Amino acid sequence: MKYSMRQWRAIGLGLVASLCLVACGGDDDGTTANAPVTPVTPVTPVNNTALSGTVLDDATGLGIQGVTVRVGSLTTTSAADGTFRLTGIAASGRTTVVFESSSYAEGARIANVVAEATTDVQARLVRVAASGDVPVAAGGTVALPGSPAQVTLPANGVRRADGSTPTGNITVRITPINPAIDTTLMPGDFLTSGSSGNVPIESFGAMNVTLTDSAGAALNLASGQTATIRIPLASRNASVPSTIPLFYFDTSTGLWKQEGSATLAGSGSSAYYEGTVSHFTTWNADQTYNTIIVHGCLKDAAGVLLANGLVASDGIDYTGTSTVYTDSSGNFSLPIRSGSIATIVAVNGGRLSNTVRNDPSTTDITLTDCLSLGQSGAGVTMKLTWGALPSDLDSHLITPSGAHVYYSSKGALVSVPFANLDVDDTSSYGPEVVTVTKLMVGTYKYSVRNYSGYGGGPIAQSGARVEVNMPGRALQLITPPTAGESASTNYWNLFEFDVSATCVITVRPVGTYTNDLPTIPTSSTPQYCTPV
């Protein structure tokens, strides 16, 4: 029987340097005189505070070239592999990093930027889903085929940024965002402002809309005009409200702002929220919620408690996230939705901890054990998520010693095989998280099984993705092949990786569908690598 049961931001220490110059001299007779002073050209301090990271296509996991990365008035452009670096950033505990491309919906991440350090920012963008032209004079509707997503514009209802009225056609681009599959697709960090500070919100679906004229100039609704939007329902919550507030993302503050409301219509996969809006950006059907606090701690593989570790939650039966940092004693207090289930994970120094899943509670929770980082230079995690169908995908890890880590044999973090299925999910979306805390020399194999069967929904159409975190490597996002799957191929074999005696990892992509799990080696005594 199966047991039922998500980037991170880098931190550092700001250093301030000062220089004092003094000149003086003396005569042979002991009297003091002013010595000649050589003029000194003032030195302009160098700002070494920077952001770096990668922009990925959420569907393919590949880097996106030509994305404009913006913080305030500072910009840079992503390279062919999606990587970027932006320098001269002001240190701030809350910096909004905006990602813009004509082929993708606008994205935004919130970064904790520390002086004289490079902060890592990872972004996943959703490709524009539908584009259509409507006449300025008559207005009209643009819809996404096979989806309830659509926008209806009024006649003569748009203006350019300078207030002038365009002629001809409006090009409308719409992109639904499904945070139930991946919360990192949502701009920001699921916060809105409240009377006593920022408060968390839970999403039931979002959509980005952009308008341009025939010359490509940005358009928006004129003052006093409104448009009607339909946002496809997307939620991990089984209880869906019939009416819900609408929020839009404010790139200047990095917060969601409430404006208007929407009403639920349709049913099943055709359900949507309909409402009217007075301007275009990313709109989100959300509600705020009450929280409880999860108290815990973070330690390394040697048991040392760690300060300044980033701790994050990701809802399982609701679509929302939260983040905090551990204090000087390695402790944290993390808010999650009251009465709900979430996964909790930490990152420190580029290393991930194991992932835990809380039981639902309406009172504060204290975790029994600290979150624990893997061996330095040797920790590996694999996080599987997917959509509503199929209901059950399973992670399978085969170790060099012949151990098979999966739902019936979950493994262990602090003893052989030093690999564990931290979280197992059987009711859509995931996550399933496998953590390796100590690496064996030899070959590991990672696969995903469609436990529900092909008839319950193919893997290739499930929105499945696996996040792989390995030491010394950027976070990798793997999505399933579109060809080769059938009713008899229940296993998606993602990759194998070889581990040397010094913990050097060599990854070999596989990317196939097969009838059976890859061969499990004969059980043997494990040999563990030693990082150098």
Protein backbone atom coordinates (compact mmCIF):
# COMPACT_ATOMS: atom_id res chain seq x y z
CA MET A 1 0.00 0.00 0.00
CA LYS A 2 1.29 3.46 -0.87
CA TYR A 3 1.68 6.16 1.73
CA SER A 4 0.22 9.58 0.90
CA MET A 5 2.15 12.21 1.68
CA ARG A 6 9.17 23.54 -3.95
CA GLN A 7 14.42 29.40 -6.43
CA TRP A 8 16.11 30.07 -3.87
CA ARG A 9 17.84 33.05 -3.08
CA ALA A 10 21.52 33.43 -2.23
CA ILE A 11 22.64 35.36 0.83
CA GLY A 12 25.95 36.84 1.89
CA LEU A 13 27.66 39.38 4.11
CA GLY A 14 28.08 43.02 3.01
CA LEU A 15 31.54 44.47 3.51
CA VAL A 16 32.24 48.19 3.83
CA ALA A 17 35.79 49.47 3.16
CA SER A 18 37.15 52.93 4.05
CA LEU A 19 40.47 54.64 3.21
CA CYS A 20 42.17 57.37 5.25
CA LEU A 21 45.16 59.28 3.81
CA VAL A 22 47.44 61.45 6.07
CA ALA A 23 50.65 63.34 5.05
CA CYS A 24 53.16 65.02 7.39
CA GLY A 25 56.89 65.64 7.75
CA GLY A 26 59.64 67.03 10.07
CA ASP A 27 62.84 69.12 9.91
CA ASP A 28 66.32 67.99 11.03
CA ASP A 29 66.17 70.37 13.98
CA GLY A 30 63.06 68.71 15.31
CA THR A 31 60.70 71.48 14.33
CA THR A 32 57.54 70.49 12.54
CA ALA A 33 56.66 71.79 9.10
CA ASN A 34 54.03 71.02 6.56
CA ALA A 35 55.37 68.66 3.87
CA PRO A 36 54.30 69.06 0.25
CA VAL A 37 51.11 67.18 -0.51
CA THR A 38 50.65 65.38 -3.82
CA PRO A 39 47.06 65.81 -5.08
CA VAL A 40 45.09 62.56 -4.99
CA THR A 41 42.45 61.85 -7.61
CA PRO A 42 39.24 60.68 -5.88
CA VAL A 43 38.50 57.00 -6.47
CA THR A 44 34.94 56.08 -7.33
CA PRO A 45 33.87 53.03 -5.28
CA VAL A 46 33.15 49.93 -7.35
CA ASN A 47 29.76 48.34 -6.79
CA ASN A 48 30.29 44.58 -6.90
CA THR A 49 26.70 43.78 -5.97
CA ALA A 50 25.17 41.69 -8.74
CA LEU A 51 22.47 39.28 -9.81
CA SER A 52 23.09 36.19 -11.91
CA GLY A 53 21.01 33.22 -12.95
CA THR A 54 19.23 31.46 -15.77
CA VAL A 55 15.93 32.03 -17.57
CA LEU A 56 14.25 28.76 -18.58
CA ASP A 57 11.31 27.82 -20.77
CA ASP A 58 8.88 26.16 -18.36
CA ALA A 59 7.74 23.59 -20.94
CA THR A 60 11.12 22.45 -22.27
CA GLY A 61 13.54 23.29 -19.44
CA LEU A 62 15.85 24.96 -22.01
CA GLY A 63 17.48 28.36 -21.58
CA ILE A 64 15.82 31.32 -23.31
CA GLN A 65 17.96 33.77 -25.29
CA GLY A 66 17.21 37.49 -25.54
CA VAL A 67 15.10 37.96 -22.42
CA THR A 68 15.39 41.45 -20.92
CA VAL A 69 16.22 41.20 -17.22
CA ARG A 70 15.34 44.39 -15.37
CA VAL A 71 15.78 45.83 -11.89
CA GLY A 72 14.47 49.39 -11.85
CA SER A 73 16.26 51.18 -14.72
CA LEU A 74 19.10 48.63 -14.88
CA THR A 75 18.82 45.99 -17.61
CA THR A 76 20.72 43.16 -19.23
CA THR A 77 19.87 40.44 -21.77
CA SER A 78 20.04 36.68 -21.35
CA ALA A 79 22.62 34.76 -23.40
CA ALA A 80 22.03 31.87 -25.79
CA ASP A 81 21.86 29.41 -22.88
CA GLY A 82 19.53 31.63 -20.85
CA THR A 83 22.17 32.80 -18.40
CA PHE A 84 22.47 36.44 -17.34
CA ARG A 85 24.42 38.74 -15.02
CA LEU A 86 23.28 42.21 -13.92
CA THR A 87 25.72 44.42 -12.00
CA GLY A 88 25.47 47.66 -10.05
CA ILE A 89 22.43 46.55 -8.08
CA ALA A 90 21.55 48.27 -4.82
CA ALA A 91 21.48 45.96 -1.82
CA SER A 92 17.94 45.32 -0.60
CA GLY A 93 16.09 42.67 1.32
CA ARG A 94 13.33 42.75 -1.28
CA THR A 95 14.27 43.41 -4.91
CA THR A 96 11.88 42.80 -7.81
CA VAL A 97 13.61 41.25 -10.82
CA VAL A 98 11.45 41.46 -13.97
CA PHE A 99 11.85 39.24 -17.06
CA GLU A 100 10.44 40.50 -20.38
CA SER A 101 10.20 38.90 -23.83
CA SER A 102 7.73 39.33 -26.68
CA SER A 103 7.45 35.53 -26.92
CA TYR A 104 6.76 34.89 -23.22
CA ALA A 105 4.50 36.20 -20.50
CA GLU A 106 6.22 38.69 -18.22
CA GLY A 107 7.80 37.06 -15.17
CA ALA A 108 9.16 38.40 -11.90
CA ARG A 109 11.14 36.99 -8.96
CA ILE A 110 11.82 38.54 -5.56
CA ALA A 111 15.49 38.54 -4.52
CA ASN A 112 17.31 39.23 -1.28
CA VAL A 113 20.22 41.26 -2.69
CA VAL A 114 23.22 41.57 -0.37
CA ALA A 115 25.98 44.16 -0.77
CA GLU A 116 29.24 43.09 -2.45
CA ALA A 117 27.87 39.63 -3.29
CA THR A 118 26.27 37.89 -6.28
CA THR A 119 22.70 36.77 -5.70
CA ASP A 120 21.38 33.79 -7.64
CA VAL A 121 17.97 34.25 -9.33
CA GLN A 122 16.32 31.50 -11.36
CA ALA A 123 13.26 32.21 -13.53
CA ARG A 124 10.85 30.07 -15.53
CA LEU A 125 8.74 31.76 -18.18
CA VAL A 126 5.54 30.63 -19.89
CA ARG A 127 5.44 30.99 -23.67
CA VAL A 128 2.65 33.22 -25.05
CA ALA A 129 -0.29 30.87 -25.57
CA ALA A 130 -2.42 32.74 -28.13
CA SER A 131 -2.17 35.85 -30.25
CA GLY A 132 -4.82 37.55 -32.34
CA ASP A 133 -5.74 40.87 -33.93
CA VAL A 134 -8.88 42.88 -33.26
CA PRO A 135 -9.80 46.26 -34.78
CA VAL A 136 -9.33 49.29 -32.54
CA ALA A 137 -12.62 50.80 -33.68
CA ALA A 138 -14.80 47.75 -33.04
CA GLY A 139 -12.94 45.88 -30.29
CA GLY A 140 -13.45 42.15 -30.03
CA THR A 141 -12.45 38.86 -28.40
CA VAL A 142 -9.24 36.80 -28.53
CA ALA A 143 -9.46 33.28 -27.11
CA LEU A 144 -7.10 30.36 -26.60
CA PRO A 145 -8.36 27.28 -28.53
CA GLY A 146 -9.12 24.33 -26.27
CA SER A 147 -9.16 26.55 -23.18
CA PRO A 148 -11.66 28.92 -21.53
CA ALA A 149 -8.96 31.63 -21.50
CA GLN A 150 -10.05 34.75 -23.37
CA VAL A 151 -10.16 38.56 -23.28
CA THR A 152 -12.85 40.86 -24.76
CA LEU A 153 -11.87 44.47 -25.56
CA PRO A 154 -14.25 47.45 -25.90
CA ALA A 155 -14.58 49.52 -29.06
CA ASN A 156 -12.13 52.45 -29.23
CA GLY A 157 -11.02 51.54 -25.71
CA VAL A 158 -7.21 51.52 -25.88
CA ARG A 159 -4.46 54.17 -25.81
CA ARG A 160 -0.70 54.34 -26.23
CA ALA A 161 1.49 55.29 -23.28
CA ASP A 162 1.52 58.92 -24.47
CA GLY A 163 -2.29 59.01 -24.47
CA SER A 164 -2.69 58.92 -28.25
CA THR A 165 -5.28 56.69 -29.92
CA PRO A 166 -3.99 53.98 -32.28
CA THR A 167 -5.63 53.09 -35.58
CA GLY A 168 -5.96 49.80 -37.39
CA ASN A 169 -5.64 46.59 -35.39
CA ILE A 170 -4.64 45.69 -31.85
CA THR A 171 -2.43 42.62 -31.41
CA VAL A 172 -3.58 40.78 -28.28
CA ARG A 173 -1.39 38.15 -26.59
CA ILE A 174 -2.87 36.02 -23.80
CA THR A 175 -1.10 33.49 -21.60
CA PRO A 176 -2.83 31.48 -18.85
CA ILE A 177 -0.54 30.63 -15.93
CA ASN A 178 -1.13 27.41 -14.00
CA PRO A 179 0.45 27.79 -10.54
CA ALA A 180 -1.07 24.47 -9.45
CA ILE A 181 1.54 22.70 -11.59
CA ASP A 182 4.43 25.00 -10.62
CA THR A 183 4.16 27.89 -8.17
CA THR A 184 7.42 29.42 -9.46
CA LEU A 185 5.60 30.37 -12.68
CA MET A 186 3.74 33.09 -10.80
CA PRO A 187 5.30 36.55 -10.69
CA GLY A 188 6.40 37.58 -7.19
CA ASP A 189 6.10 35.50 -4.05
CA PHE A 190 2.37 35.21 -3.29
CA LEU A 191 2.22 38.32 -1.07
CA THR A 192 -0.11 41.30 -0.94
CA SER A 193 -0.06 44.28 1.39
CA GLY A 194 -2.31 44.26 4.46
CA SER A 195 -3.09 46.66 7.27
CA SER A 196 -0.30 45.22 9.42
CA GLY A 197 2.22 44.27 6.74
CA ASN A 198 2.38 41.82 3.87
CA VAL A 199 0.00 38.86 3.95
CA PRO A 200 -0.01 35.62 1.91
CA ILE A 201 -2.44 34.80 -0.87
CA GLU A 202 -3.62 31.57 -2.45
CA SER A 203 -4.06 31.40 -6.23
CA PHE A 204 -6.88 29.80 -8.23
CA GLY A 205 -5.40 30.67 -11.62
CA ALA A 206 -3.77 33.61 -13.39
CA MET A 207 -3.45 35.10 -16.87
CA ASN A 208 -1.12 37.60 -18.56
CA VAL A 209 -2.47 39.91 -21.29
CA THR A 210 -0.46 42.34 -23.44
CA LEU A 211 -1.63 44.69 -26.19
CA THR A 212 0.42 46.31 -28.97
CA ASP A 213 -0.37 48.43 -32.02
CA SER A 214 0.69 47.69 -35.61
CA ALA A 215 4.13 49.22 -34.95
CA GLY A 216 4.68 47.15 -31.81
CA ALA A 217 4.09 50.01 -29.35
CA ALA A 218 2.53 48.99 -26.05
CA LEU A 219 -1.16 49.71 -25.52
CA ASN A 220 -3.43 49.62 -22.51
CA LEU A 221 -7.02 50.41 -21.70
CA ALA A 222 -8.01 54.07 -21.82
CA SER A 223 -9.12 55.78 -18.63
CA GLY A 224 -12.69 54.80 -17.79
CA GLN A 225 -12.65 51.73 -20.06
CA THR A 226 -12.87 48.09 -18.96
CA ALA A 227 -12.35 44.69 -20.55
CA THR A 228 -13.65 41.24 -19.65
CA ILE A 229 -11.21 38.41 -18.94
CA ARG A 230 -11.68 34.71 -18.32
CA ILE A 231 -8.97 33.05 -16.22
CA PRO A 232 -8.92 29.21 -16.36
CA LEU A 233 -9.41 27.64 -12.93
CA ALA A 234 -6.14 26.13 -11.66
CA SER A 235 -5.88 25.09 -8.04
CA ARG A 236 -4.68 22.34 -5.73
CA ASN A 237 -7.56 23.22 -3.42
CA ALA A 238 -10.58 20.93 -3.63
CA SER A 239 -12.81 23.72 -2.29
CA VAL A 240 -13.24 26.40 -4.96
CA PRO A 241 -15.00 29.71 -4.13
CA SER A 242 -17.85 30.86 -6.38
CA THR A 243 -16.62 34.47 -6.27
CA ILE A 244 -13.07 35.59 -5.63
CA PRO A 245 -11.04 38.82 -5.47
CA LEU A 246 -8.89 39.74 -8.46
CA PHE A 247 -5.29 40.86 -7.93
CA TYR A 248 -2.78 42.32 -10.39
CA PHE A 249 1.00 42.17 -10.08
CA ASP A 250 2.74 45.49 -9.38
CA THR A 251 6.33 45.31 -10.69
CA SER A 252 7.30 48.45 -8.77
CA THR A 253 6.61 46.86 -5.38
CA GLY A 254 6.78 43.16 -6.18
CA LEU A 255 3.37 42.72 -4.53
CA TRP A 256 -0.07 41.69 -5.73
CA LYS A 257 -2.73 44.43 -5.48
CA GLN A 258 -6.43 43.71 -5.11
CA GLU A 259 -8.77 45.31 -7.64
CA GLY A 260 -12.20 43.95 -8.48
CA SER A 261 -13.55 40.42 -8.32
CA ALA A 262 -14.41 37.46 -10.53
CA THR A 263 -17.18 34.86 -10.67
CA LEU A 264 -16.74 31.12 -11.25
CA ALA A 265 -18.37 29.68 -14.39
CA GLY A 266 -18.13 26.49 -16.43
CA SER A 267 -17.18 23.10 -15.03
CA GLY A 268 -14.38 20.55 -15.07
CA SER A 269 -11.46 21.44 -17.31
CA SER A 270 -13.61 24.24 -18.79
CA ALA A 271 -14.09 26.07 -15.48
CA TYR A 272 -12.95 29.69 -15.35
CA TYR A 273 -13.20 32.92 -13.38
CA GLU A 274 -14.73 35.88 -15.26
CA GLY A 275 -14.27 39.51 -14.24
CA THR A 276 -13.71 43.01 -15.58
CA VAL A 277 -10.38 44.85 -15.44
CA SER A 278 -9.36 48.46 -16.09
CA HIS A 279 -5.76 47.81 -17.25
CA PHE A 280 -3.59 44.93 -18.39
CA THR A 281 -0.77 43.10 -16.65
CA THR A 282 -0.82 39.67 -14.99
CA TRP A 283 -4.18 39.12 -13.29
CA ASN A 284 -4.64 36.54 -10.56
CA ALA A 285 -7.76 35.01 -8.96
CA ASP A 286 -6.70 34.91 -5.28
CA GLN A 287 -7.78 34.96 -1.71
CA THR A 288 -5.89 35.65 1.49
CA TYR A 289 -5.79 33.01 4.21
CA ASN A 290 -5.12 32.46 7.89
CA THR A 291 -1.79 30.97 8.86
CA ILE A 292 -0.15 28.85 11.49
CA ILE A 293 3.59 28.76 12.20
CA VAL A 294 5.88 25.81 11.60
CA HIS A 295 8.86 25.97 13.96
CA GLY A 296 12.02 24.09 13.07
CA CYS A 297 15.77 24.20 12.63
CA LEU A 298 18.42 23.61 9.96
CA LYS A 299 21.68 21.72 10.39
CA ASP A 300 24.48 20.44 8.20
CA ALA A 301 25.58 16.84 7.72
CA ALA A 302 27.76 17.10 10.86
CA GLY A 303 24.82 18.28 12.97
CA VAL A 304 25.94 21.95 13.17
CA LEU A 305 23.00 24.39 13.26
CA LEU A 306 23.08 26.87 10.37
CA ALA A 307 22.17 30.58 10.35
CA ASN A 308 20.84 32.49 7.31
CA GLY A 309 19.45 29.44 5.54
CA LEU A 310 16.47 30.06 3.26
CA VAL A 311 13.46 27.96 4.25
CA ALA A 312 10.48 27.67 1.87
CA SER A 313 7.04 26.10 1.93
CA ASP A 314 4.93 25.01 -1.05
CA GLY A 315 1.28 24.12 -0.47
CA ILE A 316 0.03 20.64 -1.32
CA ASP A 317 -3.71 21.17 -0.83
CA TYR A 318 -3.52 24.89 -1.65
CA THR A 319 -1.56 26.92 -4.21
CA GLY A 320 0.76 29.23 -2.32
CA THR A 321 4.28 29.59 -0.96
CA SER A 322 6.17 31.29 1.88
CA THR A 323 9.82 31.90 2.78
CA VAL A 324 11.87 32.84 5.84
CA TYR A 325 15.54 32.71 6.91
CA THR A 326 16.97 30.82 9.85
CA ASP A 327 18.14 32.97 12.77
CA SER A 328 21.61 33.08 14.33
CA SER A 329 20.84 29.83 16.16
CA GLY A 330 19.65 27.99 13.05
CA ASN A 331 15.98 28.14 14.00
CA PHE A 332 13.06 29.25 11.82
CA SER A 333 9.35 30.10 12.12
CA LEU A 334 7.60 29.63 8.78
CA PRO A 335 3.93 30.57 8.09
CA ILE A 336 1.74 28.13 6.15
CA ARG A 337 -2.02 27.98 5.61
CA SER A 338 -3.96 26.89 8.67
CA GLY A 339 -5.36 23.37 8.51
CA SER A 340 -3.38 22.54 5.38
CA ILE A 341 -0.49 20.44 4.11
CA ALA A 342 2.74 21.81 2.66
CA THR A 343 6.25 20.71 1.82
CA ILE A 344 9.11 22.46 3.62
CA VAL A 345 12.70 22.57 2.38
CA ALA A 346 15.80 24.70 3.04
CA VAL A 347 18.87 25.83 1.07
CA ASN A 348 22.17 27.07 2.45
CA GLY A 349 25.41 27.67 0.59
CA GLY A 350 23.94 26.21 -2.60
CA ARG A 351 23.00 22.94 -0.90
CA LEU A 352 19.45 21.68 -0.41
CA SER A 353 18.09 19.99 2.66
CA ASN A 354 15.73 17.08 2.75
CA THR A 355 12.05 17.90 2.26
CA VAL A 356 9.40 17.33 4.91
CA ARG A 357 5.62 17.28 4.72
CA ASN A 358 3.55 18.52 7.64
CA ASP A 359 0.28 17.06 8.84
CA PRO A 360 -2.70 19.45 8.74
CA SER A 361 -3.13 21.50 11.91
CA THR A 362 -4.99 24.61 13.06
CA THR A 363 -2.36 25.29 15.73
CA ASP A 364 1.37 25.96 15.45
CA ILE A 365 3.65 23.00 14.66
CA THR A 366 7.15 22.16 15.85
CA LEU A 367 9.06 19.74 13.63
CA THR A 368 10.51 16.75 15.47
CA ASP A 369 13.81 16.77 13.55
CA CYS A 370 15.89 19.56 12.01
CA LEU A 371 16.03 19.88 8.26
CA SER A 372 19.41 18.50 7.27
CA LEU A 373 21.78 19.34 4.42
CA GLY A 374 23.54 16.57 2.57
CA GLN A 375 27.26 15.86 2.68
CA SER A 376 29.29 18.84 1.41
CA GLY A 377 29.81 18.46 -2.33
CA ALA A 378 27.73 15.32 -2.45
CA GLY A 379 24.04 16.09 -1.91
CA VAL A 380 21.55 15.45 -4.74
CA THR A 381 17.80 16.07 -4.91
CA MET A 382 15.17 15.25 -7.52
CA LYS A 383 11.72 16.87 -7.28
CA LEU A 384 8.88 15.57 -9.46
CA THR A 385 5.69 17.59 -10.06
CA TRP A 386 2.88 17.27 -12.60
CA GLY A 387 -0.71 18.31 -13.32
CA ALA A 388 -4.17 17.02 -12.43
CA LEU A 389 -3.81 13.90 -14.63
CA PRO A 390 -2.64 11.28 -14.09
CA SER A 391 -3.37 11.16 -10.40
CA ASP A 392 -0.23 9.21 -9.50
CA LEU A 393 3.32 9.39 -10.82
CA ASP A 394 6.09 7.68 -8.84
CA SER A 395 9.79 8.43 -8.45
CA HIS A 396 12.24 5.51 -8.62
CA LEU A 397 15.94 5.76 -7.76
CA ILE A 398 18.31 2.81 -8.20
CA THR A 399 21.64 3.09 -6.34
CA PRO A 400 25.02 1.55 -7.27
CA SER A 401 24.66 -0.95 -4.41
CA GLY A 402 21.35 -2.28 -5.73
CA ALA A 403 19.05 -0.39 -3.36
CA HIS A 404 15.73 0.62 -4.95
CA VAL A 405 14.21 3.75 -3.41
CA TYR A 406 10.50 4.18 -4.14
CA TYR A 407 7.12 4.20 -2.37
CA SER A 408 7.40 0.66 -1.00
CA SER A 409 11.01 1.08 0.13
CA LYS A 410 11.54 4.73 1.01
CA GLY A 411 15.17 4.44 2.09
CA ALA A 412 16.91 6.52 4.79
CA LEU A 413 18.77 9.84 5.09
CA VAL A 414 21.23 9.02 7.89
CA SER A 415 21.94 5.37 7.16
CA VAL A 416 22.33 3.05 4.16
CA PRO A 417 21.41 3.80 1.38
CA PHE A 418 21.63 7.52 2.37
CA ALA A 419 18.85 8.14 -0.16
CA ASN A 420 15.23 8.74 0.77
CA LEU A 421 11.81 9.34 -0.77
CA ASP A 422 11.06 12.37 1.42
CA VAL A 423 7.57 13.03 0.03
CA ASP A 424 5.22 10.64 -1.79
CA ASP A 425 2.04 11.92 -3.45
CA THR A 426 -0.85 9.90 -4.89
CA SER A 427 -3.45 12.57 -5.69
CA SER A 428 -2.16 14.72 -8.58
CA TYR A 429 0.34 17.60 -8.77
CA GLY A 430 2.95 16.07 -6.42
CA PRO A 431 5.56 16.71 -5.34
CA GLU A 432 7.60 13.55 -5.04
CA VAL A 433 11.04 14.38 -3.65
CA VAL A 434 14.05 12.08 -3.52
CA THR A 435 17.10 13.24 -1.53
CA VAL A 436 20.57 11.67 -1.57
CA THR A 437 22.69 12.78 1.40
CA LYS A 438 25.80 10.68 0.81
CA LEU A 439 26.93 9.46 -2.62
CA MET A 440 28.06 5.96 -3.48
CA VAL A 441 30.74 5.36 -6.10
CA GLY A 442 29.11 3.95 -9.23
CA THR A 443 25.96 4.54 -11.27
CA TYR A 444 22.59 5.87 -10.08
CA LYS A 445 19.47 5.56 -12.27
CA TYR A 446 16.38 7.78 -11.97
CA SER A 447 12.99 6.97 -13.53
CA VAL A 448 9.34 7.98 -13.18
CA ARG A 449 6.52 5.44 -13.36
CA ASN A 450 2.97 6.21 -14.44
CA TYR A 451 1.30 4.29 -11.61
CA SER A 452 -2.17 5.35 -12.84
CA GLY A 453 -1.46 3.86 -16.27
CA TYR A 454 -1.60 5.39 -19.72
CA GLY A 455 -5.40 5.45 -19.62
CA GLY A 456 -5.27 7.68 -16.55
CA GLY A 457 -3.29 10.26 -18.51
CA PRO A 458 0.01 10.02 -20.47
CA ILE A 459 3.16 11.35 -18.85
CA ALA A 460 3.93 13.43 -21.96
CA GLN A 461 0.64 15.32 -21.54
CA SER A 462 0.77 15.61 -17.73
CA GLY A 463 2.87 18.78 -17.41
CA ALA A 464 5.41 16.65 -15.55
CA ARG A 465 8.81 18.14 -14.74
CA VAL A 466 11.72 17.09 -12.58
CA GLU A 467 13.99 19.62 -10.88
CA VAL A 468 17.49 18.19 -10.39
CA ASN A 469 19.91 19.82 -7.97
CA MET A 470 23.49 18.52 -7.95
CA PRO A 471 26.60 20.04 -6.34
CA GLY A 472 28.47 22.49 -8.57
CA ARG A 473 25.71 22.56 -11.19
CA ALA A 474 22.89 24.97 -12.00
CA LEU A 475 19.40 23.75 -11.18
CA GLN A 476 18.22 21.61 -14.10
CA LEU A 477 14.61 21.27 -15.25
CA ILE A 478 13.74 18.10 -17.19
CA THR A 479 10.46 17.59 -19.07
CA PRO A 480 9.22 14.36 -20.72
CA PRO A 481 9.71 13.47 -24.39
CA THR A 482 6.66 14.03 -26.58
CA ALA A 483 7.17 10.82 -28.61
CA GLY A 484 7.67 7.17 -27.73
CA GLU A 485 5.04 6.72 -25.02
CA SER A 486 2.32 4.09 -25.30
CA ALA A 487 -0.08 2.08 -23.15
CA SER A 488 2.68 -0.45 -22.44
CA THR A 489 5.48 2.01 -21.60
CA ASN A 490 4.76 3.06 -18.06
CA TYR A 491 8.35 4.09 -17.21
CA TRP A 492 9.96 7.40 -18.20
CA ASN A 493 13.74 6.95 -17.79
CA LEU A 494 15.24 10.41 -17.30
CA PHE A 495 18.96 10.01 -16.67
CA GLU A 496 21.77 8.07 -15.08
CA PHE A 497 24.69 9.64 -13.23
CA ASP A 498 28.10 8.21 -12.43
CA VAL A 499 29.91 9.14 -9.21
CA SER A 500 33.72 8.95 -8.96
CA ALA A 501 35.72 8.24 -5.81
CA THR A 502 36.15 12.02 -5.34
CA CYS A 503 32.41 12.73 -5.81
CA VAL A 504 32.71 14.03 -9.38
CA ILE A 505 29.31 13.53 -11.00
CA THR A 506 28.88 12.73 -14.69
CA VAL A 507 25.28 12.88 -15.93
CA ARG A 508 24.11 10.81 -18.89
CA PRO A 509 20.65 11.79 -20.20
CA VAL A 510 18.41 8.89 -21.25
CA GLY A 511 14.98 10.32 -22.09
CA THR A 512 13.17 7.14 -23.11
CA TYR A 513 9.94 5.32 -22.32
CA THR A 514 10.14 1.59 -21.53
CA ASN A 515 7.92 -1.25 -20.39
CA ASP A 516 10.04 -2.03 -17.37
CA LEU A 517 12.26 -0.35 -14.81
CA PRO A 518 15.98 -0.24 -15.70
CA THR A 519 18.02 -3.20 -14.45
CA ILE A 520 18.70 -3.19 -10.72
CA PRO A 521 22.28 -4.33 -9.98
CA THR A 522 22.97 -7.22 -7.65
CA SER A 523 23.09 -6.13 -4.03
CA SER A 524 26.61 -5.22 -2.89
CA THR A 525 28.47 -3.42 -0.10
CA PRO A 526 28.46 0.31 -0.99
CA GLN A 527 31.63 2.37 -1.38
CA TYR A 528 31.13 6.08 -0.64
CA CYS A 529 32.92 8.93 -2.37
CA THR A 530 35.01 11.57 -0.58
CA PRO A 531 34.80 15.17 -1.87
CA VAL A 532 38.08 17.00 -2.45
